[in-house]
Amino acid sequence: EEFAANADKVLEMQAFKDWCGSLDPEFIVKSILVQSVDMFGSRVGFLKFKAQVSDKENSVVPSIVFMRGASVAVLFVLRCDEDGELFTILTVQARFPTGKHSFHDIPAGMVDGNGDFTGVAAKEMKEETGIEVNVKSLIDLTDLASDKEGIVGPKKLPGVYPSCGGCDEY
């Protein structure tokens, strides 16, 4: 019912399209059951689905997915001029999934459909801390960590997957 009302928007969701386009051919997908769709205005923000999936050896593959797509987090490092000591900036926000009303976290947010990681990172810094950052001064640590041959295999991953057992977020 929920999927039927938003089927066209789910199929247009950039994260879903990217996922479908990069699905490994080792997976044999028999069905996908959309369990919930959370709208952020006119676009799909979160999508939860369960699939019937096996591999080519007919082994069942765990297949519950919470889909939200790419995200950014900003590790803002400040160096004290006097002694060189390093500091970072944390936000304090209510984060219901953690069970904490005052959760200390680095500034972060979801990337929109255009994939502008650095632009979103600068926007989140401004929104969450009030600090304006020049996009050109941001360093993509994922690129630095995964740009060496052999670290992630022949295909470069789009980011670091912090909880890939159930979520597509990177």
N, C-alpha and C. Protein backbone atom coordinates (compact mmCIF):
# COMPACT_ATOMS: atom_id res chain seq x y z
N GLU A 1 0.83 -1.20 0.00
CA GLU A 1 0.00 0.00 0.00
C GLU A 1 0.87 1.25 0.00
N GLU A 2 1.83 1.32 0.95
CA GLU A 2 2.72 2.49 1.02
C GLU A 2 3.58 2.57 -0.25
N PHE A 3 4.07 1.42 -0.71
CA PHE A 3 4.87 1.40 -1.93
C PHE A 3 4.04 1.80 -3.13
N ALA A 4 2.83 1.28 -3.20
CA ALA A 4 1.96 1.58 -4.35
C ALA A 4 1.74 3.09 -4.49
N ALA A 5 1.59 3.77 -3.36
CA ALA A 5 1.36 5.22 -3.39
C ALA A 5 2.60 6.00 -3.82
N ASN A 6 3.78 5.40 -3.63
CA ASN A 6 5.03 6.11 -3.92
C ASN A 6 5.95 5.35 -4.88
N ALA A 7 5.41 4.39 -5.62
CA ALA A 7 6.23 3.52 -6.48
C ALA A 7 7.09 4.33 -7.46
N ASP A 8 6.51 5.32 -8.09
CA ASP A 8 7.27 6.11 -9.06
C ASP A 8 8.42 6.85 -8.40
N LYS A 9 8.19 7.35 -7.18
CA LYS A 9 9.24 8.09 -6.46
C LYS A 9 10.34 7.15 -5.99
N VAL A 10 9.97 5.93 -5.56
CA VAL A 10 10.97 4.94 -5.16
C VAL A 10 11.87 4.61 -6.35
N LEU A 11 11.27 4.38 -7.50
CA LEU A 11 12.04 4.03 -8.69
C LEU A 11 12.90 5.19 -9.18
N GLU A 12 12.55 6.42 -8.79
CA GLU A 12 13.35 7.61 -9.14
C GLU A 12 14.39 7.94 -8.08
N MET A 13 14.32 7.31 -6.91
CA MET A 13 15.27 7.59 -5.82
C MET A 13 16.69 7.32 -6.31
N GLN A 14 17.56 8.32 -6.22
CA GLN A 14 18.92 8.17 -6.73
C GLN A 14 19.65 7.01 -6.07
N ALA A 15 19.50 6.86 -4.76
CA ALA A 15 20.17 5.77 -4.06
C ALA A 15 19.71 4.41 -4.59
N PHE A 16 18.41 4.27 -4.85
CA PHE A 16 17.88 3.00 -5.37
C PHE A 16 18.39 2.75 -6.78
N LYS A 17 18.40 3.79 -7.62
CA LYS A 17 18.90 3.64 -8.99
C LYS A 17 20.38 3.27 -8.99
N ASP A 18 21.17 3.92 -8.13
CA ASP A 18 22.60 3.61 -8.04
C ASP A 18 22.80 2.17 -7.58
N TRP A 19 22.03 1.76 -6.57
CA TRP A 19 22.13 0.41 -6.04
C TRP A 19 21.79 -0.62 -7.12
N CYS A 20 20.68 -0.41 -7.82
CA CYS A 20 20.29 -1.34 -8.89
C CYS A 20 21.37 -1.41 -9.97
N GLY A 21 21.94 -0.27 -10.30
CA GLY A 21 22.95 -0.21 -11.35
C GLY A 21 24.27 -0.85 -10.98
N SER A 22 24.52 -1.00 -9.68
CA SER A 22 25.80 -1.58 -9.25
C SER A 22 25.63 -2.95 -8.61
N LEU A 23 24.44 -3.52 -8.68
CA LEU A 23 24.18 -4.82 -8.06
C LEU A 23 25.05 -5.89 -8.68
N ASP A 24 25.77 -6.61 -7.85
CA ASP A 24 26.69 -7.65 -8.30
C ASP A 24 25.93 -8.78 -8.99
N PRO A 25 26.38 -9.22 -10.15
CA PRO A 25 25.69 -10.30 -10.86
C PRO A 25 25.75 -11.65 -10.14
N GLU A 26 26.53 -11.74 -9.07
CA GLU A 26 26.56 -12.97 -8.26
C GLU A 26 25.25 -13.15 -7.49
N PHE A 27 24.52 -12.06 -7.27
CA PHE A 27 23.24 -12.13 -6.57
C PHE A 27 22.14 -12.56 -7.52
N ILE A 28 21.29 -13.45 -7.03
CA ILE A 28 20.07 -13.83 -7.76
C ILE A 28 18.90 -13.30 -6.94
N VAL A 29 18.28 -12.24 -7.42
CA VAL A 29 17.19 -11.58 -6.70
C VAL A 29 15.87 -12.13 -7.22
N LYS A 30 15.13 -12.80 -6.32
CA LYS A 30 13.84 -13.38 -6.71
C LYS A 30 12.70 -12.39 -6.53
N SER A 31 12.79 -11.59 -5.46
CA SER A 31 11.73 -10.61 -5.20
C SER A 31 12.25 -9.53 -4.26
N ILE A 32 11.58 -8.38 -4.30
CA ILE A 32 11.84 -7.28 -3.38
C ILE A 32 10.49 -6.82 -2.83
N LEU A 33 10.37 -6.81 -1.51
CA LEU A 33 9.16 -6.34 -0.84
C LEU A 33 9.48 -5.03 -0.13
N VAL A 34 8.91 -3.93 -0.61
CA VAL A 34 9.11 -2.64 0.04
C VAL A 34 8.24 -2.61 1.29
N GLN A 35 8.88 -2.40 2.44
CA GLN A 35 8.17 -2.41 3.72
C GLN A 35 7.80 -1.02 4.20
N SER A 36 8.64 -0.03 3.88
CA SER A 36 8.28 1.34 4.26
C SER A 36 9.01 2.35 3.38
N VAL A 37 8.35 3.48 3.21
CA VAL A 37 8.89 4.60 2.44
C VAL A 37 8.69 5.85 3.28
N ASP A 38 9.79 6.53 3.61
CA ASP A 38 9.70 7.79 4.34
C ASP A 38 10.04 8.92 3.38
N MET A 39 9.08 9.81 3.21
CA MET A 39 9.24 10.93 2.29
C MET A 39 9.85 12.13 3.00
N PHE A 40 10.77 12.81 2.33
CA PHE A 40 11.32 14.08 2.78
C PHE A 40 10.77 15.10 1.79
N GLY A 41 9.63 15.66 2.09
CA GLY A 41 8.96 16.53 1.13
C GLY A 41 8.48 15.70 -0.04
N SER A 42 8.95 16.03 -1.24
CA SER A 42 8.49 15.31 -2.43
C SER A 42 9.42 14.18 -2.85
N ARG A 43 10.51 13.96 -2.10
CA ARG A 43 11.43 12.89 -2.50
C ARG A 43 11.52 11.82 -1.41
N VAL A 44 11.93 10.63 -1.82
CA VAL A 44 12.11 9.53 -0.87
C VAL A 44 13.38 9.79 -0.07
N GLY A 45 13.24 9.80 1.25
CA GLY A 45 14.38 9.98 2.14
C GLY A 45 14.94 8.66 2.59
N PHE A 46 14.05 7.80 3.09
CA PHE A 46 14.45 6.48 3.57
C PHE A 46 13.55 5.44 2.92
N LEU A 47 14.14 4.30 2.63
CA LEU A 47 13.42 3.18 2.03
C LEU A 47 13.86 1.92 2.75
N LYS A 48 12.90 1.11 3.18
CA LYS A 48 13.23 -0.17 3.81
C LYS A 48 12.58 -1.27 3.00
N PHE A 49 13.40 -2.26 2.65
CA PHE A 49 12.85 -3.39 1.91
C PHE A 49 13.53 -4.68 2.30
N LYS A 50 12.83 -5.77 2.00
CA LYS A 50 13.33 -7.12 2.24
C LYS A 50 13.27 -7.84 0.91
N ALA A 51 14.31 -8.60 0.61
CA ALA A 51 14.36 -9.30 -0.67
C ALA A 51 14.59 -10.78 -0.45
N GLN A 52 14.23 -11.56 -1.44
CA GLN A 52 14.60 -12.97 -1.48
C GLN A 52 15.80 -13.05 -2.41
N VAL A 53 16.96 -13.35 -1.82
CA VAL A 53 18.21 -13.33 -2.58
C VAL A 53 19.03 -14.57 -2.27
N SER A 54 19.63 -15.11 -3.30
CA SER A 54 20.60 -16.19 -3.13
C SER A 54 21.80 -15.88 -4.01
N ASP A 55 22.84 -16.69 -3.85
CA ASP A 55 23.98 -16.53 -4.75
C ASP A 55 23.95 -17.67 -5.76
N LYS A 56 24.96 -17.74 -6.59
CA LYS A 56 24.96 -18.74 -7.66
C LYS A 56 25.11 -20.16 -7.15
N GLU A 57 25.55 -20.31 -5.89
CA GLU A 57 25.63 -21.64 -5.27
C GLU A 57 24.33 -21.96 -4.52
N ASN A 58 23.33 -21.11 -4.68
CA ASN A 58 22.01 -21.26 -4.07
C ASN A 58 22.02 -21.08 -2.55
N SER A 59 23.03 -20.38 -2.02
CA SER A 59 23.05 -20.05 -0.59
C SER A 59 22.22 -18.78 -0.39
N VAL A 60 21.37 -18.81 0.63
CA VAL A 60 20.54 -17.65 0.95
C VAL A 60 21.43 -16.52 1.47
N VAL A 61 21.18 -15.31 0.99
CA VAL A 61 21.95 -14.13 1.39
C VAL A 61 21.05 -13.24 2.24
N PRO A 62 21.52 -12.82 3.45
CA PRO A 62 20.71 -11.88 4.25
C PRO A 62 20.38 -10.65 3.41
N SER A 63 19.11 -10.23 3.46
CA SER A 63 18.71 -9.23 2.48
C SER A 63 17.66 -8.24 2.97
N ILE A 64 17.81 -7.79 4.20
CA ILE A 64 16.98 -6.69 4.69
C ILE A 64 17.80 -5.41 4.51
N VAL A 65 17.22 -4.41 3.85
CA VAL A 65 17.96 -3.21 3.50
C VAL A 65 17.24 -1.96 4.01
N PHE A 66 18.00 -1.13 4.72
CA PHE A 66 17.57 0.22 5.05
C PHE A 66 18.36 1.12 4.12
N MET A 67 17.68 1.76 3.18
CA MET A 67 18.36 2.53 2.15
C MET A 67 18.17 4.02 2.39
N ARG A 68 19.29 4.73 2.38
CA ARG A 68 19.25 6.18 2.50
C ARG A 68 20.25 6.85 1.56
N GLY A 69 21.18 6.09 1.03
CA GLY A 69 22.14 6.64 0.09
C GLY A 69 23.35 7.26 0.75
N ALA A 70 24.06 8.04 -0.03
CA ALA A 70 25.33 8.62 0.40
C ALA A 70 25.14 9.68 1.48
N SER A 71 26.15 9.80 2.32
CA SER A 71 26.14 10.83 3.36
C SER A 71 27.55 11.38 3.51
N VAL A 72 27.65 12.49 4.18
CA VAL A 72 28.96 13.08 4.47
C VAL A 72 29.08 13.32 5.96
N ALA A 73 30.29 13.29 6.45
CA ALA A 73 30.60 13.67 7.82
C ALA A 73 31.86 14.52 7.76
N VAL A 74 31.92 15.55 8.58
CA VAL A 74 33.03 16.49 8.54
C VAL A 74 33.85 16.38 9.82
N LEU A 75 35.09 15.97 9.67
CA LEU A 75 36.03 15.97 10.78
C LEU A 75 36.83 17.27 10.66
N PHE A 76 36.36 18.28 11.38
CA PHE A 76 36.94 19.62 11.30
C PHE A 76 38.08 19.69 12.31
N VAL A 77 39.31 19.85 11.84
CA VAL A 77 40.48 19.84 12.72
C VAL A 77 41.02 21.26 12.86
N LEU A 78 41.17 21.68 14.11
CA LEU A 78 41.74 22.99 14.44
C LEU A 78 43.09 22.78 15.12
N ARG A 79 44.08 23.57 14.73
CA ARG A 79 45.41 23.49 15.35
C ARG A 79 45.66 24.79 16.12
N CYS A 80 46.01 24.64 17.39
CA CYS A 80 46.31 25.79 18.24
C CYS A 80 47.66 26.39 17.81
N ASP A 81 47.68 27.71 17.54
CA ASP A 81 48.91 28.38 17.10
C ASP A 81 50.01 28.31 18.16
N GLU A 82 49.65 28.39 19.43
CA GLU A 82 50.65 28.44 20.51
C GLU A 82 51.40 27.12 20.69
N ASP A 83 50.67 26.01 20.77
CA ASP A 83 51.33 24.74 21.11
C ASP A 83 51.12 23.63 20.07
N GLY A 84 50.39 23.92 19.01
CA GLY A 84 50.19 22.91 17.95
C GLY A 84 49.18 21.83 18.30
N GLU A 85 48.55 21.93 19.48
CA GLU A 85 47.58 20.92 19.88
C GLU A 85 46.39 20.92 18.91
N LEU A 86 45.86 19.73 18.64
CA LEU A 86 44.76 19.58 17.70
C LEU A 86 43.43 19.43 18.42
N PHE A 87 42.40 20.02 17.85
CA PHE A 87 41.04 19.93 18.39
C PHE A 87 40.08 19.66 17.24
N THR A 88 38.91 19.15 17.56
CA THR A 88 37.85 19.01 16.56
C THR A 88 36.57 19.59 17.12
N ILE A 89 35.63 19.81 16.24
CA ILE A 89 34.34 20.39 16.62
C ILE A 89 33.29 19.29 16.61
N LEU A 90 32.53 19.23 17.69
CA LEU A 90 31.42 18.29 17.78
C LEU A 90 30.12 19.06 17.89
N THR A 91 29.07 18.48 17.38
CA THR A 91 27.73 19.01 17.59
C THR A 91 27.09 18.19 18.70
N VAL A 92 26.09 18.75 19.34
CA VAL A 92 25.30 18.01 20.32
C VAL A 92 23.86 18.09 19.85
N GLN A 93 23.32 16.92 19.49
CA GLN A 93 21.97 16.87 18.92
C GLN A 93 21.20 15.69 19.48
N ALA A 94 19.90 15.81 19.45
CA ALA A 94 19.05 14.67 19.81
C ALA A 94 19.17 13.63 18.70
N ARG A 95 19.52 12.39 19.08
CA ARG A 95 19.65 11.30 18.12
C ARG A 95 18.88 10.10 18.65
N PHE A 96 17.60 10.07 18.32
CA PHE A 96 16.70 9.05 18.84
C PHE A 96 17.19 7.62 18.57
N PRO A 97 17.74 7.29 17.39
CA PRO A 97 18.20 5.91 17.18
C PRO A 97 19.25 5.45 18.18
N THR A 98 20.01 6.38 18.77
CA THR A 98 21.01 6.00 19.77
C THR A 98 20.41 5.93 21.17
N GLY A 99 19.19 6.45 21.32
CA GLY A 99 18.58 6.52 22.63
C GLY A 99 19.07 7.71 23.45
N LYS A 100 19.81 8.62 22.83
CA LYS A 100 20.40 9.76 23.53
C LYS A 100 19.80 11.07 23.04
N HIS A 101 19.39 11.91 23.99
CA HIS A 101 18.86 13.22 23.64
C HIS A 101 19.98 14.19 23.31
N SER A 102 21.10 14.08 24.01
CA SER A 102 22.25 14.96 23.78
C SER A 102 23.42 14.10 23.31
N PHE A 103 23.49 13.86 22.01
CA PHE A 103 24.50 12.98 21.43
C PHE A 103 25.60 13.82 20.80
N HIS A 104 26.85 13.57 21.21
CA HIS A 104 28.00 14.27 20.64
C HIS A 104 28.39 13.60 19.33
N ASP A 105 28.48 14.39 18.28
CA ASP A 105 28.70 13.84 16.94
C ASP A 105 29.43 14.87 16.09
N ILE A 106 30.06 14.41 15.02
CA ILE A 106 30.65 15.36 14.08
C ILE A 106 29.56 15.80 13.11
N PRO A 107 29.67 17.00 12.55
CA PRO A 107 28.65 17.47 11.59
C PRO A 107 28.51 16.48 10.43
N ALA A 108 27.27 16.18 10.08
CA ALA A 108 27.02 15.18 9.04
C ALA A 108 25.67 15.42 8.41
N GLY A 109 25.48 14.83 7.23
CA GLY A 109 24.20 14.95 6.56
C GLY A 109 24.13 14.06 5.33
N MET A 110 22.94 13.99 4.76
CA MET A 110 22.70 13.16 3.58
C MET A 110 23.04 13.94 2.31
N VAL A 111 23.63 13.23 1.36
CA VAL A 111 23.94 13.82 0.05
C VAL A 111 22.68 13.76 -0.80
N ASP A 112 22.40 14.84 -1.49
CA ASP A 112 21.22 14.85 -2.36
C ASP A 112 21.54 14.13 -3.67
N GLY A 113 20.59 14.12 -4.56
CA GLY A 113 20.71 13.37 -5.81
C GLY A 113 21.84 13.79 -6.73
N ASN A 114 22.40 15.00 -6.53
CA ASN A 114 23.45 15.44 -7.46
C ASN A 114 24.84 14.95 -7.08
N GLY A 115 24.99 14.32 -5.91
CA GLY A 115 26.27 13.73 -5.52
C GLY A 115 27.36 14.71 -5.14
N ASP A 116 27.00 15.93 -4.77
CA ASP A 116 27.97 16.97 -4.44
C ASP A 116 28.42 16.83 -2.98
N PHE A 117 29.37 15.91 -2.73
CA PHE A 117 29.81 15.62 -1.38
C PHE A 117 30.38 16.85 -0.67
N THR A 118 31.31 17.55 -1.32
CA THR A 118 31.94 18.69 -0.64
C THR A 118 30.97 19.84 -0.42
N GLY A 119 30.06 20.06 -1.36
CA GLY A 119 29.05 21.10 -1.18
C GLY A 119 28.14 20.80 -0.01
N VAL A 120 27.73 19.54 0.11
CA VAL A 120 26.87 19.14 1.23
C VAL A 120 27.65 19.23 2.54
N ALA A 121 28.92 18.85 2.54
CA ALA A 121 29.73 18.94 3.75
C ALA A 121 29.82 20.38 4.23
N ALA A 122 30.07 21.32 3.32
CA ALA A 122 30.15 22.74 3.70
C ALA A 122 28.80 23.23 4.21
N LYS A 123 27.72 22.81 3.57
CA LYS A 123 26.37 23.21 3.98
C LYS A 123 26.07 22.69 5.39
N GLU A 124 26.42 21.43 5.66
CA GLU A 124 26.18 20.86 6.99
C GLU A 124 27.00 21.57 8.06
N MET A 125 28.25 21.92 7.75
CA MET A 125 29.07 22.67 8.71
C MET A 125 28.39 23.99 9.07
N LYS A 126 27.90 24.70 8.07
CA LYS A 126 27.23 25.98 8.30
C LYS A 126 25.96 25.79 9.12
N GLU A 127 25.13 24.80 8.73
CA GLU A 127 23.86 24.57 9.43
C GLU A 127 24.07 24.13 10.87
N GLU A 128 25.04 23.24 11.10
CA GLU A 128 25.17 22.62 12.42
C GLU A 128 26.12 23.36 13.37
N THR A 129 27.04 24.17 12.82
CA THR A 129 28.00 24.85 13.70
C THR A 129 28.04 26.36 13.50
N GLY A 130 27.47 26.86 12.40
CA GLY A 130 27.55 28.28 12.10
C GLY A 130 28.85 28.68 11.42
N ILE A 131 29.75 27.73 11.20
CA ILE A 131 31.04 28.01 10.59
C ILE A 131 30.94 27.84 9.08
N GLU A 132 31.35 28.88 8.34
CA GLU A 132 31.37 28.80 6.88
C GLU A 132 32.72 28.26 6.43
N VAL A 133 32.68 27.25 5.57
CA VAL A 133 33.89 26.59 5.09
C VAL A 133 33.97 26.76 3.58
N ASN A 134 35.16 27.08 3.09
CA ASN A 134 35.39 27.13 1.66
C ASN A 134 35.45 25.68 1.15
N VAL A 135 34.61 25.35 0.20
CA VAL A 135 34.54 23.98 -0.33
C VAL A 135 35.92 23.51 -0.79
N LYS A 136 36.71 24.41 -1.34
CA LYS A 136 38.03 24.03 -1.86
C LYS A 136 39.01 23.65 -0.75
N SER A 137 38.71 24.03 0.49
CA SER A 137 39.62 23.70 1.59
C SER A 137 39.31 22.33 2.21
N LEU A 138 38.24 21.69 1.76
CA LEU A 138 37.87 20.38 2.29
C LEU A 138 38.68 19.28 1.60
N ILE A 139 39.08 18.28 2.38
CA ILE A 139 39.85 17.15 1.86
C ILE A 139 39.00 15.90 1.99
N ASP A 140 38.82 15.18 0.89
CA ASP A 140 38.04 13.95 0.89
C ASP A 140 38.92 12.82 1.41
N LEU A 141 38.74 12.46 2.69
CA LEU A 141 39.56 11.43 3.30
C LEU A 141 39.30 10.05 2.71
N THR A 142 38.09 9.82 2.21
CA THR A 142 37.80 8.54 1.56
C THR A 142 38.67 8.38 0.32
N ASP A 143 38.81 9.43 -0.47
CA ASP A 143 39.68 9.37 -1.64
C ASP A 143 41.12 9.08 -1.23
N LEU A 144 41.60 9.74 -0.19
CA LEU A 144 42.97 9.51 0.25
C LEU A 144 43.18 8.08 0.72
N ALA A 145 42.19 7.54 1.43
CA ALA A 145 42.33 6.20 2.00
C ALA A 145 42.18 5.10 0.96
N SER A 146 41.39 5.33 -0.07
CA SER A 146 41.10 4.24 -1.00
C SER A 146 41.73 4.42 -2.37
N ASP A 147 42.58 5.41 -2.53
CA ASP A 147 43.15 5.69 -3.84
C ASP A 147 44.36 4.82 -4.16
N LYS A 148 44.80 4.03 -3.20
CA LYS A 148 45.97 3.19 -3.43
C LYS A 148 45.55 1.87 -4.05
N GLU A 149 46.32 1.39 -4.99
CA GLU A 149 45.98 0.17 -5.71
C GLU A 149 45.88 -1.02 -4.75
N GLY A 150 44.83 -1.80 -4.93
CA GLY A 150 44.68 -3.03 -4.17
C GLY A 150 43.92 -2.90 -2.87
N ILE A 151 43.69 -1.69 -2.37
CA ILE A 151 43.01 -1.55 -1.09
C ILE A 151 41.55 -1.94 -1.20
N VAL A 152 40.89 -1.52 -2.24
CA VAL A 152 39.47 -1.84 -2.38
C VAL A 152 39.20 -2.73 -3.58
N GLY A 153 40.22 -3.26 -4.19
CA GLY A 153 40.03 -4.14 -5.33
C GLY A 153 40.02 -3.36 -6.63
N PRO A 154 39.63 -4.03 -7.69
CA PRO A 154 39.70 -3.39 -9.01
C PRO A 154 38.74 -2.23 -9.18
N LYS A 155 37.61 -2.25 -8.49
CA LYS A 155 36.64 -1.15 -8.58
C LYS A 155 36.71 -0.33 -7.31
N LYS A 156 36.85 0.97 -7.46
CA LYS A 156 36.87 1.85 -6.30
C LYS A 156 35.47 1.97 -5.71
N LEU A 157 35.38 1.85 -4.40
CA LEU A 157 34.10 2.02 -3.72
C LEU A 157 33.79 3.51 -3.62
N PRO A 158 32.50 3.88 -3.57
CA PRO A 158 32.16 5.30 -3.50
C PRO A 158 32.43 5.92 -2.14
N GLY A 159 32.63 5.10 -1.12
CA GLY A 159 32.86 5.62 0.22
C GLY A 159 33.11 4.49 1.20
N VAL A 160 33.09 4.82 2.48
CA VAL A 160 33.25 3.85 3.55
C VAL A 160 31.87 3.47 4.04
N TYR A 161 31.58 2.19 4.09
CA TYR A 161 30.27 1.71 4.53
C TYR A 161 30.35 1.37 6.02
N PRO A 162 29.79 2.22 6.91
CA PRO A 162 29.92 1.97 8.35
C PRO A 162 29.06 0.83 8.88
N SER A 163 28.00 0.46 8.19
CA SER A 163 27.10 -0.58 8.68
C SER A 163 26.47 -1.34 7.51
N CYS A 164 27.32 -1.95 6.69
CA CYS A 164 26.86 -2.53 5.42
C CYS A 164 26.08 -3.83 5.57
N GLY A 165 25.92 -4.34 6.78
CA GLY A 165 25.10 -5.53 6.97
C GLY A 165 23.62 -5.26 6.81
N GLY A 166 23.22 -3.99 6.87
CA GLY A 166 21.81 -3.68 6.75
C GLY A 166 21.50 -2.34 6.11
N CYS A 167 22.54 -1.53 5.85
CA CYS A 167 22.30 -0.19 5.32
C CYS A 167 23.25 0.10 4.16
N ASP A 168 22.74 0.80 3.16
CA ASP A 168 23.56 1.15 1.99
C ASP A 168 24.37 2.42 2.21
N GLU A 169 24.20 3.09 3.34
CA GLU A 169 24.84 4.39 3.57
C GLU A 169 26.36 4.30 3.47
N TYR A 170 26.93 5.25 2.78
CA TYR A 170 28.39 5.38 2.71
C TYR A 170 28.75 6.84 2.79
